[in-house]
Amino acid sequence: MAPERELPESEVAKNCFSLLRWGIEQISDPEYQARVWLGDPPDEKSSYLDASAEILDQEQRNKLIGDHLAEIGLNEQQWARVMQFARTLEAFENSVDHPYDSAEVIRHPNWGSIVSQARAVLADLPNPD
């Protein structure tokens, strides 16, 4: 059996960015949220917390991405907008009584603003390879 090949750090950073982008995509898409987060029965494999976990509390991963912006196809301004969105999302999550309840998250009066901000950030990001 051949030894496992270790990925170069820049490739790991690209994979990390893809996960981060996936979290933003979910938050930007109300149709996805209704179908997957609130479906009948709810898809237990995806929820608001799954999406937000790809964005929040990822300091080590974010440093890795930040160290490889050019290889990912991001510039400093795009990355700053992603990080600003993460701070906004964290503040929003802290204002929700039960962030583990996707239905409560979606009903929150500020959710529409979060979705709009996610769409704006997403529109400015490169598509994954």
N, C-alpha and C. Protein backbone atom coordinates (compact mmCIF):
# COMPACT_ATOMS: atom_id res chain seq x y z
N MET A 1 0.84 -1.18 0.00
CA MET A 1 0.00 0.00 0.00
C MET A 1 0.89 1.24 0.00
N ALA A 2 0.61 2.15 -0.90
CA ALA A 2 1.41 3.36 -1.04
C ALA A 2 1.18 4.29 0.14
N PRO A 3 2.24 4.97 0.60
CA PRO A 3 2.06 5.92 1.71
C PRO A 3 1.14 7.07 1.28
N GLU A 4 0.41 7.57 2.24
CA GLU A 4 -0.50 8.68 1.97
C GLU A 4 0.30 9.94 1.68
N ARG A 5 -0.09 10.64 0.63
CA ARG A 5 0.60 11.86 0.22
C ARG A 5 0.03 13.04 0.99
N GLU A 6 0.90 13.83 1.58
CA GLU A 6 0.46 15.01 2.31
C GLU A 6 0.24 16.15 1.33
N LEU A 7 -0.89 16.83 1.48
CA LEU A 7 -1.20 17.95 0.59
C LEU A 7 -0.33 19.15 0.93
N PRO A 8 0.06 19.91 -0.09
CA PRO A 8 0.75 21.18 0.20
C PRO A 8 -0.18 22.11 0.98
N GLU A 9 0.40 22.94 1.79
CA GLU A 9 -0.37 23.86 2.63
C GLU A 9 -1.33 24.71 1.82
N SER A 10 -0.91 25.13 0.62
CA SER A 10 -1.79 25.97 -0.21
C SER A 10 -3.04 25.20 -0.64
N GLU A 11 -2.91 23.89 -0.87
CA GLU A 11 -4.07 23.06 -1.24
C GLU A 11 -5.00 22.89 -0.04
N VAL A 12 -4.42 22.72 1.13
CA VAL A 12 -5.22 22.63 2.35
C VAL A 12 -5.99 23.94 2.54
N ALA A 13 -5.33 25.06 2.30
CA ALA A 13 -5.99 26.37 2.42
C ALA A 13 -7.15 26.48 1.44
N LYS A 14 -6.97 26.01 0.22
CA LYS A 14 -8.06 26.04 -0.77
C LYS A 14 -9.24 25.19 -0.31
N ASN A 15 -8.95 24.02 0.24
CA ASN A 15 -10.03 23.16 0.75
C ASN A 15 -10.75 23.83 1.92
N CYS A 16 -10.00 24.47 2.78
CA CYS A 16 -10.60 25.19 3.91
C CYS A 16 -11.49 26.33 3.41
N PHE A 17 -11.01 27.04 2.41
CA PHE A 17 -11.81 28.12 1.84
C PHE A 17 -13.11 27.58 1.24
N SER A 18 -13.05 26.42 0.60
CA SER A 18 -14.26 25.82 0.02
C SER A 18 -15.30 25.53 1.10
N LEU A 19 -14.86 25.07 2.26
CA LEU A 19 -15.80 24.82 3.36
C LEU A 19 -16.40 26.12 3.87
N LEU A 20 -15.56 27.13 4.01
CA LEU A 20 -16.03 28.44 4.45
C LEU A 20 -17.05 28.99 3.47
N ARG A 21 -16.74 28.91 2.19
CA ARG A 21 -17.65 29.39 1.15
C ARG A 21 -18.97 28.63 1.18
N TRP A 22 -18.91 27.32 1.42
CA TRP A 22 -20.10 26.49 1.51
C TRP A 22 -21.02 26.97 2.63
N GLY A 23 -20.43 27.34 3.78
CA GLY A 23 -21.23 27.88 4.88
C GLY A 23 -21.92 29.17 4.49
N ILE A 24 -21.21 30.06 3.79
CA ILE A 24 -21.80 31.32 3.35
C ILE A 24 -22.89 31.06 2.32
N GLU A 25 -22.66 30.10 1.42
CA GLU A 25 -23.68 29.75 0.42
C GLU A 25 -24.98 29.34 1.09
N GLN A 26 -24.89 28.49 2.11
CA GLN A 26 -26.10 28.04 2.81
C GLN A 26 -26.85 29.21 3.45
N ILE A 27 -26.11 30.10 4.06
CA ILE A 27 -26.74 31.24 4.74
C ILE A 27 -27.33 32.22 3.74
N SER A 28 -26.80 32.25 2.53
CA SER A 28 -27.30 33.19 1.52
C SER A 28 -28.53 32.68 0.77
N ASP A 29 -28.96 31.45 1.02
CA ASP A 29 -29.98 30.81 0.19
C ASP A 29 -31.22 30.38 0.99
N PRO A 30 -32.24 31.24 1.07
CA PRO A 30 -33.45 30.91 1.83
C PRO A 30 -34.17 29.67 1.31
N GLU A 31 -34.11 29.42 0.01
CA GLU A 31 -34.77 28.22 -0.53
C GLU A 31 -34.09 26.96 0.01
N TYR A 32 -32.78 26.97 0.05
CA TYR A 32 -32.03 25.85 0.62
C TYR A 32 -32.42 25.67 2.09
N GLN A 33 -32.47 26.76 2.82
CA GLN A 33 -32.81 26.70 4.25
C GLN A 33 -34.18 26.07 4.45
N ALA A 34 -35.16 26.50 3.67
CA ALA A 34 -36.51 25.96 3.80
C ALA A 34 -36.53 24.48 3.46
N ARG A 35 -35.83 24.11 2.42
CA ARG A 35 -35.85 22.72 1.96
C ARG A 35 -35.05 21.80 2.88
N VAL A 36 -33.86 22.22 3.28
CA VAL A 36 -32.95 21.34 4.01
C VAL A 36 -33.02 21.56 5.52
N TRP A 37 -32.97 22.81 5.96
CA TRP A 37 -32.99 23.06 7.39
C TRP A 37 -34.37 22.83 7.99
N LEU A 38 -35.43 23.19 7.23
CA LEU A 38 -36.79 23.12 7.78
C LEU A 38 -37.65 22.06 7.11
N GLY A 39 -37.05 21.25 6.24
CA GLY A 39 -37.83 20.25 5.51
C GLY A 39 -38.63 19.36 6.44
N ASP A 40 -39.56 18.63 5.87
CA ASP A 40 -40.41 17.74 6.66
C ASP A 40 -40.13 16.31 6.25
N PRO A 41 -39.39 15.54 6.98
CA PRO A 41 -38.71 15.92 8.24
C PRO A 41 -37.43 16.70 7.95
N PRO A 42 -36.98 17.47 8.93
CA PRO A 42 -35.75 18.23 8.71
C PRO A 42 -34.59 17.30 8.37
N ASP A 43 -33.72 17.77 7.49
CA ASP A 43 -32.52 17.02 7.14
C ASP A 43 -31.54 17.19 8.30
N GLU A 44 -31.37 16.13 9.05
CA GLU A 44 -30.52 16.21 10.24
C GLU A 44 -29.04 16.36 9.90
N LYS A 45 -28.70 16.31 8.63
CA LYS A 45 -27.31 16.44 8.23
C LYS A 45 -26.91 17.89 7.99
N SER A 46 -27.87 18.79 8.01
CA SER A 46 -27.54 20.19 7.78
C SER A 46 -28.50 21.07 8.56
N SER A 47 -27.98 22.11 9.12
CA SER A 47 -28.75 23.04 9.92
C SER A 47 -28.03 24.38 9.92
N TYR A 48 -28.64 25.36 10.54
CA TYR A 48 -27.96 26.66 10.69
C TYR A 48 -26.61 26.46 11.38
N LEU A 49 -26.59 25.66 12.44
CA LEU A 49 -25.32 25.49 13.17
C LEU A 49 -24.25 24.84 12.32
N ASP A 50 -24.63 23.93 11.43
CA ASP A 50 -23.64 23.34 10.52
C ASP A 50 -23.03 24.42 9.62
N ALA A 51 -23.89 25.27 9.09
CA ALA A 51 -23.41 26.34 8.21
C ALA A 51 -22.55 27.34 8.99
N SER A 52 -23.03 27.78 10.14
CA SER A 52 -22.28 28.78 10.90
C SER A 52 -20.96 28.23 11.42
N ALA A 53 -20.92 26.93 11.70
CA ALA A 53 -19.67 26.32 12.19
C ALA A 53 -18.56 26.39 11.14
N GLU A 54 -18.93 26.48 9.87
CA GLU A 54 -17.92 26.61 8.82
C GLU A 54 -17.35 28.03 8.75
N ILE A 55 -18.01 28.96 9.45
CA ILE A 55 -17.63 30.37 9.39
C ILE A 55 -17.06 30.86 10.72
N LEU A 56 -17.68 30.44 11.81
CA LEU A 56 -17.31 30.94 13.13
C LEU A 56 -16.31 30.02 13.82
N ASP A 57 -15.55 30.59 14.74
CA ASP A 57 -14.63 29.83 15.59
C ASP A 57 -13.64 28.99 14.78
N GLN A 58 -13.09 29.58 13.77
CA GLN A 58 -12.16 28.87 12.90
C GLN A 58 -10.85 29.65 12.78
N GLU A 59 -10.31 30.11 13.91
CA GLU A 59 -9.14 30.98 13.89
C GLU A 59 -7.95 30.36 13.14
N GLN A 60 -7.65 29.10 13.45
CA GLN A 60 -6.50 28.46 12.81
C GLN A 60 -6.72 28.32 11.31
N ARG A 61 -7.91 27.89 10.93
CA ARG A 61 -8.21 27.74 9.50
C ARG A 61 -8.18 29.10 8.81
N ASN A 62 -8.73 30.12 9.46
CA ASN A 62 -8.74 31.45 8.85
C ASN A 62 -7.34 32.00 8.67
N LYS A 63 -6.45 31.70 9.62
CA LYS A 63 -5.06 32.14 9.45
C LYS A 63 -4.44 31.44 8.25
N LEU A 64 -4.70 30.14 8.11
CA LEU A 64 -4.17 29.40 6.97
C LEU A 64 -4.68 29.99 5.65
N ILE A 65 -5.98 30.27 5.57
CA ILE A 65 -6.54 30.89 4.37
C ILE A 65 -5.88 32.25 4.13
N GLY A 66 -5.79 33.05 5.18
CA GLY A 66 -5.20 34.38 5.06
C GLY A 66 -3.77 34.36 4.58
N ASP A 67 -3.04 33.29 4.90
CA ASP A 67 -1.65 33.15 4.47
C ASP A 67 -1.53 32.73 3.00
N HIS A 68 -2.65 32.34 2.38
CA HIS A 68 -2.61 31.82 1.01
C HIS A 68 -3.68 32.47 0.12
N LEU A 69 -3.94 33.74 0.35
CA LEU A 69 -4.99 34.42 -0.41
C LEU A 69 -4.75 34.35 -1.92
N ALA A 70 -3.54 34.62 -2.34
CA ALA A 70 -3.25 34.65 -3.78
C ALA A 70 -3.49 33.29 -4.43
N GLU A 71 -3.07 32.21 -3.75
CA GLU A 71 -3.27 30.87 -4.31
C GLU A 71 -4.76 30.51 -4.40
N ILE A 72 -5.54 31.07 -3.49
CA ILE A 72 -6.99 30.80 -3.47
C ILE A 72 -7.71 31.67 -4.51
N GLY A 73 -7.11 32.80 -4.83
CA GLY A 73 -7.74 33.73 -5.76
C GLY A 73 -8.47 34.86 -5.07
N LEU A 74 -8.12 35.11 -3.82
CA LEU A 74 -8.73 36.19 -3.04
C LEU A 74 -7.75 37.35 -2.90
N ASN A 75 -8.31 38.54 -2.76
CA ASN A 75 -7.48 39.68 -2.41
C ASN A 75 -7.78 40.09 -0.97
N GLU A 76 -6.99 40.99 -0.44
CA GLU A 76 -7.15 41.42 0.96
C GLU A 76 -8.53 42.01 1.23
N GLN A 77 -9.06 42.77 0.28
CA GLN A 77 -10.37 43.40 0.46
C GLN A 77 -11.48 42.35 0.54
N GLN A 78 -11.43 41.35 -0.32
CA GLN A 78 -12.43 40.27 -0.27
C GLN A 78 -12.35 39.53 1.06
N TRP A 79 -11.14 39.23 1.49
CA TRP A 79 -10.96 38.51 2.74
C TRP A 79 -11.45 39.34 3.92
N ALA A 80 -11.20 40.65 3.89
CA ALA A 80 -11.68 41.53 4.96
C ALA A 80 -13.21 41.51 5.02
N ARG A 81 -13.89 41.46 3.86
CA ARG A 81 -15.36 41.39 3.85
C ARG A 81 -15.85 40.07 4.44
N VAL A 82 -15.15 38.99 4.14
CA VAL A 82 -15.52 37.69 4.73
C VAL A 82 -15.38 37.75 6.24
N MET A 83 -14.29 38.30 6.73
CA MET A 83 -14.07 38.37 8.17
C MET A 83 -15.07 39.31 8.84
N GLN A 84 -15.46 40.40 8.16
CA GLN A 84 -16.48 41.29 8.70
C GLN A 84 -17.82 40.55 8.78
N PHE A 85 -18.15 39.79 7.74
CA PHE A 85 -19.38 39.01 7.77
C PHE A 85 -19.36 38.01 8.92
N ALA A 86 -18.21 37.37 9.17
CA ALA A 86 -18.10 36.43 10.28
C ALA A 86 -18.37 37.12 11.61
N ARG A 87 -17.87 38.33 11.78
CA ARG A 87 -18.12 39.07 13.03
C ARG A 87 -19.60 39.43 13.15
N THR A 88 -20.22 39.82 12.04
CA THR A 88 -21.64 40.14 12.04
C THR A 88 -22.47 38.90 12.36
N LEU A 89 -22.11 37.78 11.77
CA LEU A 89 -22.83 36.53 12.02
C LEU A 89 -22.68 36.10 13.48
N GLU A 90 -21.51 36.27 14.03
CA GLU A 90 -21.29 35.92 15.44
C GLU A 90 -22.16 36.78 16.35
N ALA A 91 -22.24 38.07 16.08
CA ALA A 91 -23.09 38.95 16.88
C ALA A 91 -24.56 38.55 16.75
N PHE A 92 -24.96 38.22 15.52
CA PHE A 92 -26.33 37.75 15.31
C PHE A 92 -26.59 36.48 16.12
N GLU A 93 -25.70 35.52 16.00
CA GLU A 93 -25.89 34.24 16.70
C GLU A 93 -26.00 34.45 18.21
N ASN A 94 -25.22 35.38 18.73
CA ASN A 94 -25.29 35.68 20.17
C ASN A 94 -26.61 36.33 20.56
N SER A 95 -27.34 36.88 19.60
CA SER A 95 -28.63 37.52 19.91
C SER A 95 -29.80 36.55 19.82
N VAL A 96 -29.56 35.34 19.33
CA VAL A 96 -30.62 34.33 19.19
C VAL A 96 -30.64 33.47 20.44
N ASP A 97 -31.83 33.28 21.01
CA ASP A 97 -31.94 32.50 22.24
C ASP A 97 -31.49 31.05 22.05
N HIS A 98 -31.86 30.43 20.94
CA HIS A 98 -31.56 29.02 20.69
C HIS A 98 -30.99 28.84 19.27
N PRO A 99 -29.71 29.16 19.08
CA PRO A 99 -29.15 29.08 17.72
C PRO A 99 -29.13 27.66 17.16
N TYR A 100 -29.30 26.66 18.00
CA TYR A 100 -29.36 25.28 17.51
C TYR A 100 -30.71 24.98 16.86
N ASP A 101 -31.68 25.89 16.99
CA ASP A 101 -33.01 25.73 16.39
C ASP A 101 -33.06 26.55 15.10
N SER A 102 -32.87 25.88 13.97
CA SER A 102 -32.83 26.57 12.67
C SER A 102 -34.09 27.38 12.42
N ALA A 103 -35.24 26.87 12.84
CA ALA A 103 -36.50 27.59 12.62
C ALA A 103 -36.49 28.91 13.39
N GLU A 104 -36.00 28.89 14.60
CA GLU A 104 -35.92 30.14 15.38
C GLU A 104 -34.96 31.13 14.73
N VAL A 105 -33.86 30.63 14.23
CA VAL A 105 -32.89 31.49 13.55
C VAL A 105 -33.55 32.18 12.36
N ILE A 106 -34.24 31.40 11.54
CA ILE A 106 -34.84 31.94 10.32
C ILE A 106 -35.97 32.92 10.63
N ARG A 107 -36.65 32.72 11.74
CA ARG A 107 -37.75 33.63 12.13
C ARG A 107 -37.25 34.92 12.77
N HIS A 108 -35.99 34.96 13.14
CA HIS A 108 -35.44 36.13 13.83
C HIS A 108 -35.60 37.36 12.94
N PRO A 109 -35.99 38.50 13.52
CA PRO A 109 -36.22 39.70 12.69
C PRO A 109 -34.99 40.19 11.93
N ASN A 110 -33.80 39.85 12.36
CA ASN A 110 -32.59 40.29 11.66
C ASN A 110 -32.05 39.27 10.66
N TRP A 111 -32.73 38.13 10.51
CA TRP A 111 -32.22 37.10 9.61
C TRP A 111 -32.15 37.57 8.16
N GLY A 112 -33.14 38.31 7.71
CA GLY A 112 -33.13 38.81 6.34
C GLY A 112 -31.88 39.64 6.04
N SER A 113 -31.45 40.41 7.00
CA SER A 113 -30.24 41.21 6.84
C SER A 113 -29.00 40.31 6.74
N ILE A 114 -28.97 39.26 7.53
CA ILE A 114 -27.84 38.32 7.48
C ILE A 114 -27.79 37.64 6.11
N VAL A 115 -28.94 37.21 5.61
CA VAL A 115 -29.01 36.57 4.29
C VAL A 115 -28.50 37.54 3.22
N SER A 116 -28.95 38.79 3.28
CA SER A 116 -28.52 39.80 2.30
C SER A 116 -27.01 40.03 2.36
N GLN A 117 -26.47 40.11 3.56
CA GLN A 117 -25.03 40.31 3.69
C GLN A 117 -24.25 39.09 3.17
N ALA A 118 -24.77 37.89 3.43
CA ALA A 118 -24.11 36.68 2.92
C ALA A 118 -24.11 36.68 1.40
N ARG A 119 -25.23 37.09 0.81
CA ARG A 119 -25.30 37.16 -0.66
C ARG A 119 -24.28 38.15 -1.22
N ALA A 120 -24.15 39.29 -0.58
CA ALA A 120 -23.20 40.31 -1.04
C ALA A 120 -21.76 39.80 -0.95
N VAL A 121 -21.43 39.15 0.14
CA VAL A 121 -20.08 38.60 0.31
C VAL A 121 -19.84 37.51 -0.72
N LEU A 122 -20.81 36.61 -0.88
CA LEU A 122 -20.68 35.50 -1.82
C LEU A 122 -20.49 35.99 -3.25
N ALA A 123 -21.21 37.03 -3.61
CA ALA A 123 -21.12 37.55 -4.99
C ALA A 123 -19.71 38.03 -5.32
N ASP A 124 -18.94 38.38 -4.30
CA ASP A 124 -17.61 38.92 -4.49
C ASP A 124 -16.51 37.86 -4.38
N LEU A 125 -16.89 36.61 -4.09
CA LEU A 125 -15.89 35.57 -3.89
C LEU A 125 -15.68 34.75 -5.16
N PRO A 126 -14.47 34.25 -5.34
CA PRO A 126 -14.23 33.36 -6.49
C PRO A 126 -14.93 32.03 -6.28
N ASN A 127 -15.33 31.41 -7.38
CA ASN A 127 -15.90 30.06 -7.31
C ASN A 127 -14.78 29.08 -7.09
N PRO A 128 -15.06 28.01 -6.33
CA PRO A 128 -14.00 27.02 -6.14
C PRO A 128 -13.66 26.32 -7.46
N ASP A 129 -12.43 25.86 -7.55
CA ASP A 129 -11.97 25.16 -8.76
C ASP A 129 -12.66 23.84 -8.94
